[in-house]
Amino acid sequence: MRIAVDVMGGDHGCEVAIEGVRQALDADRAITTLFLVGNEAEIQQARKKSRLYDNRIEIVHASEVLTMDDKPLEGIRRKKDCSMNRAIELVRDGKADAVISPGNTGALVAGSLKLRRLEGIERPALAARMPSRTNEFVLIDAGASPVCEPVHLAQFAVMGSIYAREILGRKNPRVGILSNGSEETKGNDLTRVAARLCSQLDLNFIGYVEGFDLFDDAVEVVVADGFTGNVVLKTSESLGCAMMHRLKDELSATPLRKLGALLARDAFRGMKNRLDPEVYGGAVLLGLNGIVVKVHGSSRERAMTNALRLAVEEISHGVNQMISLQIARANERLAAAETAVSPSVPA
């Protein structure tokens, strides 16, 4: 497996990314080649600090860095020699199977279109893993396609179901469309038509799910347009962070509480790990000819390590091949359903 890593796009510099790479390479021999893409001088310095001397490493120099301040589409077009562009091009040119970047999300989505969509896919979608009460679920789309049509949501449902089955290990994942209520009368034109389309597909489709259902193990795949999904993702992560800070303040308020916190520290550590987005590595951009993993810009070493593990899982499970096959079947069903309801035209 060959993976390209944009080591320049994160908030903490390439040292953090490279240390995460070192840990991943130590743990996984399935990675045969790992491209470190960025400023060669900085990479070499960070390699020495991290003691990364693995012979599977190749450095690809990029003279520019795409920052969070760059406008996504303008930046990816103007900075042609940025590390993100060069990493994506390694996949496009068949030199790598996957690309990982902590850089600007909009730029990564725009740049990844160089890989071209899988046949039959109309829009790519970001699939993000999120914790539920006792397990986890997939939120799709988490920000790639802010404006969607019903057929896009139906395709997201197919891709999300495959991802939940192959990566989360759910045998028959339940799929729901995010709405403002679970009743069929709820939602808007987009969700109502999308729900009708999903009911025609070979999915374990349960209809609408609302905010109350997301973290209560009610569903394994939550489908939304990219605007709504991104708001849900960021709000959830912010709430989790705020809860941990509030809990820390409360537990340190008195000596007795501090003692209780000490006795329960393993439980609190487990809770923190469950709520930490770095555990999941990142969100994956599904629907393209290549594996694309988006890591949080503020992520540390663990997130990069887990992102590499996630890319290896996607490659080994053949997720893209399954998406191509099932999207073709889904499109056939949708076309047949449309023909069945279309009025006949008199000769």
Protein backbone atom coordinates (compact mmCIF):
# COMPACT_ATOMS: atom_id res chain seq x y z
CA MET A 1 0.00 0.00 0.00
CA ARG A 2 1.31 3.41 -0.99
CA ILE A 3 0.15 6.50 0.88
CA ALA A 4 0.93 10.19 0.32
CA VAL A 5 0.84 12.52 3.34
CA ASP A 6 0.64 16.29 3.11
CA VAL A 7 2.76 17.12 6.16
CA MET A 8 2.59 20.91 5.83
CA GLY A 9 -1.11 21.72 6.08
CA GLY A 10 -1.72 21.35 9.83
CA ASP A 11 -1.67 23.95 12.57
CA HIS A 12 1.28 22.39 14.41
CA GLY A 13 3.78 22.07 11.57
CA CYS A 14 5.31 19.04 9.95
CA GLU A 15 6.98 17.73 13.12
CA VAL A 16 3.65 16.59 14.55
CA ALA A 17 2.60 14.98 11.26
CA ILE A 18 5.91 13.16 10.87
CA GLU A 19 5.86 11.81 14.41
CA GLY A 20 2.38 10.44 13.68
CA VAL A 21 3.74 8.85 10.50
CA ARG A 22 6.58 7.24 12.46
CA GLN A 23 4.17 5.68 14.92
CA ALA A 24 1.98 4.36 12.10
CA LEU A 25 4.91 2.83 10.24
CA ASP A 26 6.13 1.15 13.42
CA ALA A 27 2.70 -0.43 13.88
CA ASP A 28 1.84 -1.44 10.30
CA ARG A 29 4.00 -3.28 7.77
CA ALA A 30 1.21 -3.23 5.18
CA ILE A 31 2.34 0.24 4.11
CA THR A 32 4.99 -0.37 1.46
CA THR A 33 5.70 3.25 0.48
CA LEU A 34 4.92 6.46 2.32
CA PHE A 35 5.44 9.79 0.58
CA LEU A 36 6.15 12.78 2.83
CA VAL A 37 5.04 15.78 0.77
CA GLY A 38 6.19 19.27 1.70
CA ASN A 39 9.25 21.44 2.17
CA GLU A 40 12.19 19.03 1.98
CA ALA A 41 14.45 20.95 4.38
CA GLU A 42 11.75 21.08 7.06
CA ILE A 43 10.90 17.43 6.53
CA GLN A 44 14.51 16.33 6.89
CA GLN A 45 14.86 18.32 10.10
CA ALA A 46 11.63 16.85 11.50
CA ARG A 47 12.71 13.32 10.50
CA LYS A 48 15.88 13.66 12.54
CA LYS A 49 13.97 14.91 15.55
CA SER A 50 11.48 12.07 15.29
CA ARG A 51 14.15 9.49 14.43
CA LEU A 52 12.20 8.45 11.35
CA TYR A 53 14.69 6.40 9.35
CA ASP A 54 12.28 3.88 7.81
CA ASN A 55 13.35 2.83 4.30
CA ARG A 56 9.73 2.97 3.13
CA ILE A 57 9.84 6.77 3.25
CA GLU A 58 10.13 8.92 0.13
CA ILE A 59 10.23 12.73 0.23
CA VAL A 60 8.41 14.77 -2.41
CA HIS A 61 9.40 18.43 -2.30
CA ALA A 62 6.70 21.10 -2.54
CA SER A 63 7.69 24.75 -2.45
CA GLU A 64 4.33 26.15 -1.30
CA VAL A 65 1.86 25.62 1.54
CA LEU A 66 -1.89 26.09 1.33
CA THR A 67 -2.98 27.81 4.55
CA MET A 68 -6.34 28.03 6.27
CA ASP A 69 -6.45 31.71 5.25
CA ASP A 70 -6.36 30.86 1.54
CA LYS A 71 -9.68 30.81 -0.28
CA PRO A 72 -10.12 27.09 -1.10
CA LEU A 73 -10.72 27.12 -4.85
CA GLU A 74 -8.48 30.11 -5.54
CA GLY A 75 -5.69 28.75 -3.37
CA ILE A 76 -5.62 25.26 -4.87
CA ARG A 77 -5.49 26.77 -8.36
CA ARG A 78 -2.95 29.50 -7.61
CA LYS A 79 -0.54 27.50 -5.46
CA LYS A 80 0.10 24.72 -7.93
CA ASP A 81 3.24 23.56 -6.11
CA CYS A 82 1.64 23.38 -2.68
CA SER A 83 2.02 20.19 -0.65
CA MET A 84 -1.69 19.37 -0.88
CA ASN A 85 -1.68 19.56 -4.67
CA ARG A 86 1.45 17.45 -4.97
CA ALA A 87 0.08 14.79 -2.62
CA ILE A 88 -3.19 14.55 -4.56
CA GLU A 89 -1.30 14.31 -7.84
CA LEU A 90 0.60 11.27 -6.58
CA VAL A 91 -2.74 9.46 -6.35
CA ARG A 92 -3.94 10.84 -9.67
CA ASP A 93 -0.76 9.63 -11.39
CA GLY A 94 -1.05 6.13 -9.90
CA LYS A 95 2.00 6.46 -7.64
CA ALA A 96 -0.04 6.34 -4.42
CA ASP A 97 -3.29 4.67 -3.39
CA ALA A 98 -4.35 7.24 -0.81
CA VAL A 99 -3.74 10.84 0.23
CA ILE A 100 -3.96 12.25 3.76
CA SER A 101 -4.05 15.96 4.53
CA PRO A 102 -4.76 18.13 7.58
CA GLY A 103 -5.17 21.15 5.30
CA ASN A 104 -8.05 23.37 4.25
CA THR A 105 -11.16 21.18 3.79
CA GLY A 106 -12.63 23.14 0.90
CA ALA A 107 -9.32 23.13 -0.93
CA LEU A 108 -8.88 19.40 -0.35
CA VAL A 109 -12.34 18.67 -1.76
CA ALA A 110 -11.73 20.94 -4.76
CA GLY A 111 -8.24 19.59 -5.38
CA SER A 112 -9.33 15.97 -5.04
CA LEU A 113 -11.68 16.37 -7.98
CA LYS A 114 -8.52 15.85 -10.05
CA LEU A 115 -8.96 12.18 -9.17
CA ARG A 116 -12.32 12.20 -10.99
CA ARG A 117 -15.51 10.78 -9.61
CA LEU A 118 -16.20 7.08 -9.64
CA GLU A 119 -18.50 6.13 -12.50
CA GLY A 120 -22.10 6.93 -11.66
CA ILE A 121 -21.26 9.19 -8.71
CA GLU A 122 -22.66 12.69 -9.03
CA ARG A 123 -21.08 14.26 -5.93
CA PRO A 124 -18.34 13.16 -3.53
CA ALA A 125 -19.18 13.21 0.18
CA LEU A 126 -17.25 13.40 3.44
CA ALA A 127 -17.99 10.52 5.79
CA ALA A 128 -17.18 11.26 9.44
CA ARG A 129 -17.28 8.71 12.26
CA MET A 130 -18.95 9.95 15.43
CA PRO A 131 -19.51 8.39 18.86
CA SER A 132 -22.98 7.32 19.99
CA ARG A 133 -24.17 6.14 23.40
CA THR A 134 -22.52 2.72 23.19
CA ASN A 135 -20.99 2.62 19.70
CA GLU A 136 -20.50 4.98 16.75
CA PHE A 137 -22.18 6.07 13.54
CA VAL A 138 -21.30 7.60 10.16
CA LEU A 139 -22.36 11.14 9.28
CA ILE A 140 -22.42 11.74 5.52
CA ASP A 141 -22.06 14.38 4.04
CA ALA A 142 -20.00 16.21 6.65
CA GLY A 143 -19.08 19.15 4.45
CA ALA A 144 -18.07 18.33 0.88
CA SER A 145 -21.31 19.27 -0.93
CA PRO A 146 -23.22 22.10 0.81
CA VAL A 147 -25.94 22.28 -1.85
CA CYS A 148 -27.50 18.96 -2.81
CA GLU A 149 -30.30 17.40 -4.82
CA PRO A 150 -32.29 14.35 -3.66
CA VAL A 151 -30.33 11.92 -5.84
CA HIS A 152 -27.12 13.09 -4.17
CA LEU A 153 -28.47 12.19 -0.74
CA ALA A 154 -29.56 8.80 -2.06
CA GLN A 155 -26.04 8.14 -3.31
CA PHE A 156 -24.60 9.35 0.00
CA ALA A 157 -26.81 6.77 1.71
CA VAL A 158 -25.35 3.99 -0.43
CA MET A 159 -21.76 5.11 0.18
CA GLY A 160 -22.36 5.59 3.89
CA SER A 161 -23.90 2.13 4.22
CA ILE A 162 -20.88 0.52 2.56
CA TYR A 163 -18.51 2.49 4.77
CA ALA A 164 -20.37 1.54 7.95
CA ARG A 165 -20.39 -2.11 6.96
CA GLU A 166 -16.75 -2.35 5.92
CA ILE A 167 -15.01 0.04 8.33
CA LEU A 168 -17.33 0.01 11.35
CA GLY A 169 -18.10 -3.69 10.94
CA ARG A 170 -21.89 -3.29 10.96
CA LYS A 171 -23.51 -6.22 9.17
CA ASN A 172 -26.72 -4.46 8.10
CA PRO A 173 -26.34 -0.77 8.98
CA ARG A 174 -29.49 1.25 9.53
CA VAL A 175 -29.65 4.34 7.33
CA GLY A 176 -31.65 7.47 8.11
CA ILE A 177 -32.00 10.95 6.63
CA LEU A 178 -31.48 13.78 9.10
CA SER A 179 -34.61 15.87 9.53
CA ASN A 180 -36.45 18.04 12.05
CA GLY A 181 -38.61 15.12 13.16
CA SER A 182 -39.11 11.41 12.55
CA GLU A 183 -42.61 11.71 11.06
CA GLU A 184 -43.01 11.43 7.29
CA THR A 185 -44.68 14.85 7.22
CA LYS A 186 -41.52 16.51 8.53
CA GLY A 187 -38.52 17.67 6.51
CA ASN A 188 -38.37 19.77 3.37
CA ASP A 189 -38.59 19.10 -0.36
CA LEU A 190 -34.99 17.82 -0.42
CA THR A 191 -35.40 15.31 2.41
CA ARG A 192 -38.87 14.15 1.35
CA VAL A 193 -37.82 13.28 -2.19
CA ALA A 194 -34.52 11.81 -0.99
CA ALA A 195 -36.42 9.57 1.45
CA ARG A 196 -38.60 8.26 -1.37
CA LEU A 197 -35.50 7.51 -3.43
CA CYS A 198 -33.75 5.74 -0.55
CA SER A 199 -36.81 3.55 0.00
CA GLN A 200 -36.29 2.21 -3.56
CA LEU A 201 -32.73 1.09 -2.85
CA ASP A 202 -31.20 -2.02 -1.35
CA LEU A 203 -30.63 -0.36 2.01
CA ASN A 204 -31.76 -0.90 5.58
CA PHE A 205 -33.49 2.46 5.33
CA ILE A 206 -35.47 3.49 8.42
CA GLY A 207 -36.70 6.89 7.22
CA TYR A 208 -36.07 10.16 9.02
CA VAL A 209 -33.89 10.54 12.09
CA GLU A 210 -33.81 13.68 14.22
CA GLY A 211 -31.25 15.23 16.52
CA PHE A 212 -32.44 13.19 19.52
CA ASP A 213 -31.63 9.96 17.65
CA LEU A 214 -28.07 10.69 16.61
CA PHE A 215 -26.26 9.71 19.79
CA ASP A 216 -28.77 7.14 21.06
CA ASP A 217 -27.70 4.13 18.93
CA ALA A 218 -30.80 4.56 16.75
CA VAL A 219 -28.94 4.51 13.45
CA GLU A 220 -25.53 3.66 11.95
CA VAL A 221 -25.62 6.03 8.96
CA VAL A 222 -26.97 9.59 9.11
CA VAL A 223 -27.46 11.24 5.71
CA ALA A 224 -27.50 15.02 5.25
CA ASP A 225 -26.50 17.70 2.79
CA GLY A 226 -22.98 18.98 3.38
CA PHE A 227 -24.08 22.27 4.93
CA THR A 228 -26.26 20.63 7.59
CA GLY A 229 -23.81 17.79 8.16
CA ASN A 230 -20.89 20.13 8.73
CA VAL A 231 -22.88 22.16 11.26
CA VAL A 232 -23.78 18.94 13.11
CA LEU A 233 -20.17 17.75 13.07
CA LYS A 234 -18.62 20.95 14.39
CA THR A 235 -21.36 21.54 16.94
CA SER A 236 -20.98 18.01 18.30
CA GLU A 237 -17.21 18.25 18.56
CA SER A 238 -17.44 21.65 20.24
CA LEU A 239 -20.05 20.36 22.71
CA GLY A 240 -17.88 17.35 23.58
CA CYS A 241 -14.91 19.63 24.24
CA ALA A 242 -17.01 22.00 26.36
CA MET A 243 -18.40 19.10 28.39
CA MET A 244 -14.92 17.79 29.20
CA HIS A 245 -13.74 21.25 30.29
CA ARG A 246 -16.83 21.76 32.44
CA LEU A 247 -16.42 18.32 33.98
CA LYS A 248 -12.76 19.06 34.77
CA ASP A 249 -13.71 22.32 36.48
CA GLU A 250 -16.42 20.65 38.55
CA LEU A 251 -14.20 17.75 39.61
CA SER A 252 -11.46 20.07 40.81
CA ALA A 253 -13.78 22.41 42.76
CA THR A 254 -13.29 20.75 46.17
CA PRO A 255 -10.80 18.35 47.77
CA LEU A 256 -13.48 15.66 48.07
CA ARG A 257 -14.33 15.90 44.38
CA LYS A 258 -10.63 15.73 43.51
CA LEU A 259 -10.39 12.49 45.46
CA GLY A 260 -13.43 11.09 43.66
CA ALA A 261 -11.95 12.10 40.31
CA LEU A 262 -8.72 10.33 41.20
CA LEU A 263 -10.59 7.13 42.02
CA ALA A 264 -12.57 7.34 38.75
CA ARG A 265 -9.73 8.57 36.53
CA ASP A 266 -9.78 5.49 34.29
CA ALA A 267 -13.46 6.05 33.57
CA PHE A 268 -12.89 9.71 32.77
CA ARG A 269 -9.94 8.83 30.57
CA GLY A 270 -12.12 6.37 28.68
CA MET A 271 -14.83 8.99 28.25
CA LYS A 272 -12.31 11.50 26.94
CA ASN A 273 -11.04 9.00 24.39
CA ARG A 274 -14.58 8.26 23.23
CA LEU A 275 -15.24 11.95 22.60
CA ASP A 276 -11.86 12.75 21.02
CA PRO A 277 -12.09 13.10 17.19
CA GLU A 278 -8.41 12.11 16.92
CA VAL A 279 -9.40 8.52 17.79
CA TYR A 280 -11.08 8.22 14.38
CA GLY A 281 -8.22 9.72 12.39
CA GLY A 282 -10.33 11.92 10.17
CA ALA A 283 -13.16 12.06 7.68
CA VAL A 284 -12.91 10.24 4.34
CA LEU A 285 -13.94 11.75 1.02
CA LEU A 286 -15.94 9.02 -0.72
CA GLY A 287 -16.90 8.75 -4.38
CA LEU A 288 -13.54 9.44 -6.04
CA ASN A 289 -10.93 7.35 -7.86
CA GLY A 290 -8.63 7.18 -4.88
CA ILE A 291 -8.69 7.27 -1.10
CA VAL A 292 -8.76 10.76 0.47
CA VAL A 293 -8.60 11.25 4.25
CA LYS A 294 -9.14 14.70 5.78
CA VAL A 295 -7.48 15.17 9.18
CA HIS A 296 -8.34 18.05 11.51
CA GLY A 297 -5.97 20.97 11.05
CA SER A 298 -5.50 21.16 14.82
CA SER A 299 -4.79 17.44 15.16
CA ARG A 300 -1.78 16.00 16.94
CA GLU A 301 0.30 12.87 16.34
CA ARG A 302 -2.40 10.37 17.27
CA ALA A 303 -4.80 11.68 14.64
CA MET A 304 -2.20 11.26 11.89
CA THR A 305 -1.40 7.74 13.06
CA ASN A 306 -5.09 6.81 13.05
CA ALA A 307 -5.62 8.49 9.67
CA LEU A 308 -2.97 6.21 8.18
CA ARG A 309 -4.65 3.20 9.79
CA LEU A 310 -7.97 4.33 8.32
CA ALA A 311 -6.47 4.67 4.83
CA VAL A 312 -5.03 1.16 5.08
CA GLU A 313 -8.44 -0.20 6.09
CA GLU A 314 -10.16 1.48 3.14
CA ILE A 315 -7.62 0.13 0.69
CA SER A 316 -7.66 -3.41 2.11
CA HIS A 317 -11.47 -3.58 2.18
CA GLY A 318 -11.80 -2.38 -1.42
CA VAL A 319 -14.32 0.30 -0.42
CA ASN A 320 -14.13 2.15 -3.74
CA GLN A 321 -14.73 -1.00 -5.75
CA MET A 322 -17.81 -1.78 -3.66
CA ILE A 323 -19.10 1.77 -4.08
CA SER A 324 -18.75 1.55 -7.87
CA LEU A 325 -20.65 -1.73 -7.99
CA GLN A 326 -23.48 -0.73 -5.67
CA ILE A 327 -23.89 2.77 -7.10
CA ALA A 328 -24.37 1.20 -10.54
CA ARG A 329 -27.15 -1.00 -9.12
CA ALA A 330 -28.68 1.90 -7.23
CA ASN A 331 -28.74 4.11 -10.33
CA GLU A 332 -30.48 1.35 -12.27
CA ARG A 333 -33.18 1.09 -9.59
CA LEU A 334 -33.63 4.85 -9.44
CA ALA A 335 -33.93 5.07 -13.22
CA ALA A 336 -36.48 2.23 -13.24
CA ALA A 337 -38.48 3.89 -10.46
CA GLU A 338 -38.47 7.21 -12.32
CA THR A 339 -39.67 5.50 -15.51
CA ALA A 340 -42.47 3.76 -13.61
CA VAL A 341 -43.89 7.00 -12.22
CA SER A 342 -43.36 9.14 -15.33
CA PRO A 343 -46.53 9.72 -17.39
CA SER A 344 -46.51 8.07 -20.78
CA VAL A 345 -46.27 10.37 -23.78
CA PRO A 346 -48.91 9.68 -26.47
CA ALA A 347 -47.60 8.81 -29.92
